[in-house]
Amino acid sequence: MGSKNIQKKIKNSRMAIWQYKKNLKLNEFNTTGIKRTQTEAKLIGISHNLKRIYKEINKNN
């Protein structure tokens, strides 16, 4: 029972990431190499979180 919930969460998170990348038109990474690609992915995540924080702050004002 627990593994089904975990698989569902993984699927949902992958869909969210895919949708976010599609909206930003991020079809491929601009860098090469595992380390640089991981850094680029982290920057994409940070930008997403900053947008969410910005929207939350403006929603309350």
C-alpha atoms as a PDB file:
ATOM      1  CA  MET A   1       0.000   0.000   0.000  1.00  0.00           C
ATOM      2  CA  GLY A   2       2.781   2.433   0.839  1.00  0.00           C
ATOM      3  CA  SER A   3       4.692   1.795  -2.369  1.00  0.00           C
ATOM      4  CA  LYS A   4       1.630   2.728  -4.444  1.00  0.00           C
ATOM      5  CA  ASN A   5       1.469   6.115  -2.720  1.00  0.00           C
ATOM      6  CA  ILE A   6       5.166   6.694  -3.319  1.00  0.00           C
ATOM      7  CA  GLN A   7       4.850   5.777  -6.996  1.00  0.00           C
ATOM      8  CA  LYS A   8       1.881   8.142  -7.331  1.00  0.00           C
ATOM      9  CA  LYS A   9       3.863  10.998  -5.745  1.00  0.00           C
ATOM     10  CA  ILE A  10       6.819  10.353  -8.052  1.00  0.00           C
ATOM     11  CA  LYS A  11       4.535  10.363 -11.095  1.00  0.00           C
ATOM     12  CA  ASN A  12       2.858  13.604  -9.968  1.00  0.00           C
ATOM     13  CA  SER A  13       6.190  15.329  -9.354  1.00  0.00           C
ATOM     14  CA  ARG A  14       7.505  14.252 -12.760  1.00  0.00           C
ATOM     15  CA  MET A  15       4.377  15.605 -14.430  1.00  0.00           C
ATOM     16  CA  ALA A  16       4.744  18.912 -12.575  1.00  0.00           C
ATOM     17  CA  ILE A  17       8.380  19.237 -13.622  1.00  0.00           C
ATOM     18  CA  TRP A  18       7.513  18.341 -17.232  1.00  0.00           C
ATOM     19  CA  GLN A  19       4.684  20.898 -17.319  1.00  0.00           C
ATOM     20  CA  TYR A  20       6.890  23.606 -15.815  1.00  0.00           C
ATOM     21  CA  LYS A  21       9.678  22.951 -18.328  1.00  0.00           C
ATOM     22  CA  LYS A  22       7.168  23.003 -21.180  1.00  0.00           C
ATOM     23  CA  ASN A  23       5.724  26.338 -20.023  1.00  0.00           C
ATOM     24  CA  LEU A  24       9.206  27.880 -19.894  1.00  0.00           C
ATOM     25  CA  LYS A  25      10.125  26.271 -23.235  1.00  0.00           C
ATOM     26  CA  LEU A  26      13.038  24.412 -21.646  1.00  0.00           C
ATOM     27  CA  ASN A  27      13.360  21.510 -24.060  1.00  0.00           C
ATOM     28  CA  GLU A  28      17.004  20.769 -23.350  1.00  0.00           C
ATOM     29  CA  PHE A  29      19.839  21.819 -21.097  1.00  0.00           C
ATOM     30  CA  ASN A  30      22.211  24.511 -22.325  1.00  0.00           C
ATOM     31  CA  THR A  31      25.232  22.963 -20.616  1.00  0.00           C
ATOM     32  CA  THR A  32      27.060  19.671 -20.966  1.00  0.00           C
ATOM     33  CA  GLY A  33      28.381  17.371 -18.286  1.00  0.00           C
ATOM     34  CA  ILE A  34      26.612  15.936 -15.294  1.00  0.00           C
ATOM     35  CA  LYS A  35      27.784  18.544 -12.779  1.00  0.00           C
ATOM     36  CA  ARG A  36      26.853  21.535 -14.955  1.00  0.00           C
ATOM     37  CA  THR A  37      23.520  20.007 -15.920  1.00  0.00           C
ATOM     38  CA  GLN A  38      22.694  19.381 -12.258  1.00  0.00           C
ATOM     39  CA  THR A  39      23.562  23.002 -11.481  1.00  0.00           C
ATOM     40  CA  GLU A  40      21.314  24.193 -14.290  1.00  0.00           C
ATOM     41  CA  ALA A  41      18.455  22.009 -13.015  1.00  0.00           C
ATOM     42  CA  LYS A  42      18.892  23.456  -9.517  1.00  0.00           C
ATOM     43  CA  LEU A  43      18.757  26.992 -10.928  1.00  0.00           C
ATOM     44  CA  ILE A  44      15.502  26.151 -12.709  1.00  0.00           C
ATOM     45  CA  GLY A  45      14.092  24.889  -9.408  1.00  0.00           C
ATOM     46  CA  ILE A  46      15.251  27.994  -7.565  1.00  0.00           C
ATOM     47  CA  SER A  47      13.634  30.257 -10.159  1.00  0.00           C
ATOM     48  CA  HIS A  48      10.384  28.319  -9.820  1.00  0.00           C
ATOM     49  CA  ASN A  49      10.429  28.704  -6.029  1.00  0.00           C
ATOM     50  CA  LEU A  50      11.191  32.424  -6.278  1.00  0.00           C
ATOM     51  CA  LYS A  51       8.222  32.901  -8.613  1.00  0.00           C
ATOM     52  CA  ARG A  52       5.972  31.091  -6.137  1.00  0.00           C
ATOM     53  CA  ILE A  53       7.218  33.265  -3.256  1.00  0.00           C
ATOM     54  CA  TYR A  54       6.717  36.425  -5.337  1.00  0.00           C
ATOM     55  CA  LYS A  55       3.144  35.432  -6.207  1.00  0.00           C
ATOM     56  CA  GLU A  56       2.378  34.615  -2.560  1.00  0.00           C
ATOM     57  CA  ILE A  57       3.712  37.981  -1.354  1.00  0.00           C
ATOM     58  CA  ASN A  58       1.733  39.904  -3.976  1.00  0.00           C
ATOM     59  CA  LYS A  59      -1.413  37.912  -3.252  1.00  0.00           C
ATOM     60  CA  ASN A  60      -1.354  39.106   0.360  1.00  0.00           C
ATOM     61  CA  ASN A  61      -0.855  42.786  -0.542  1.00  0.00           C
END
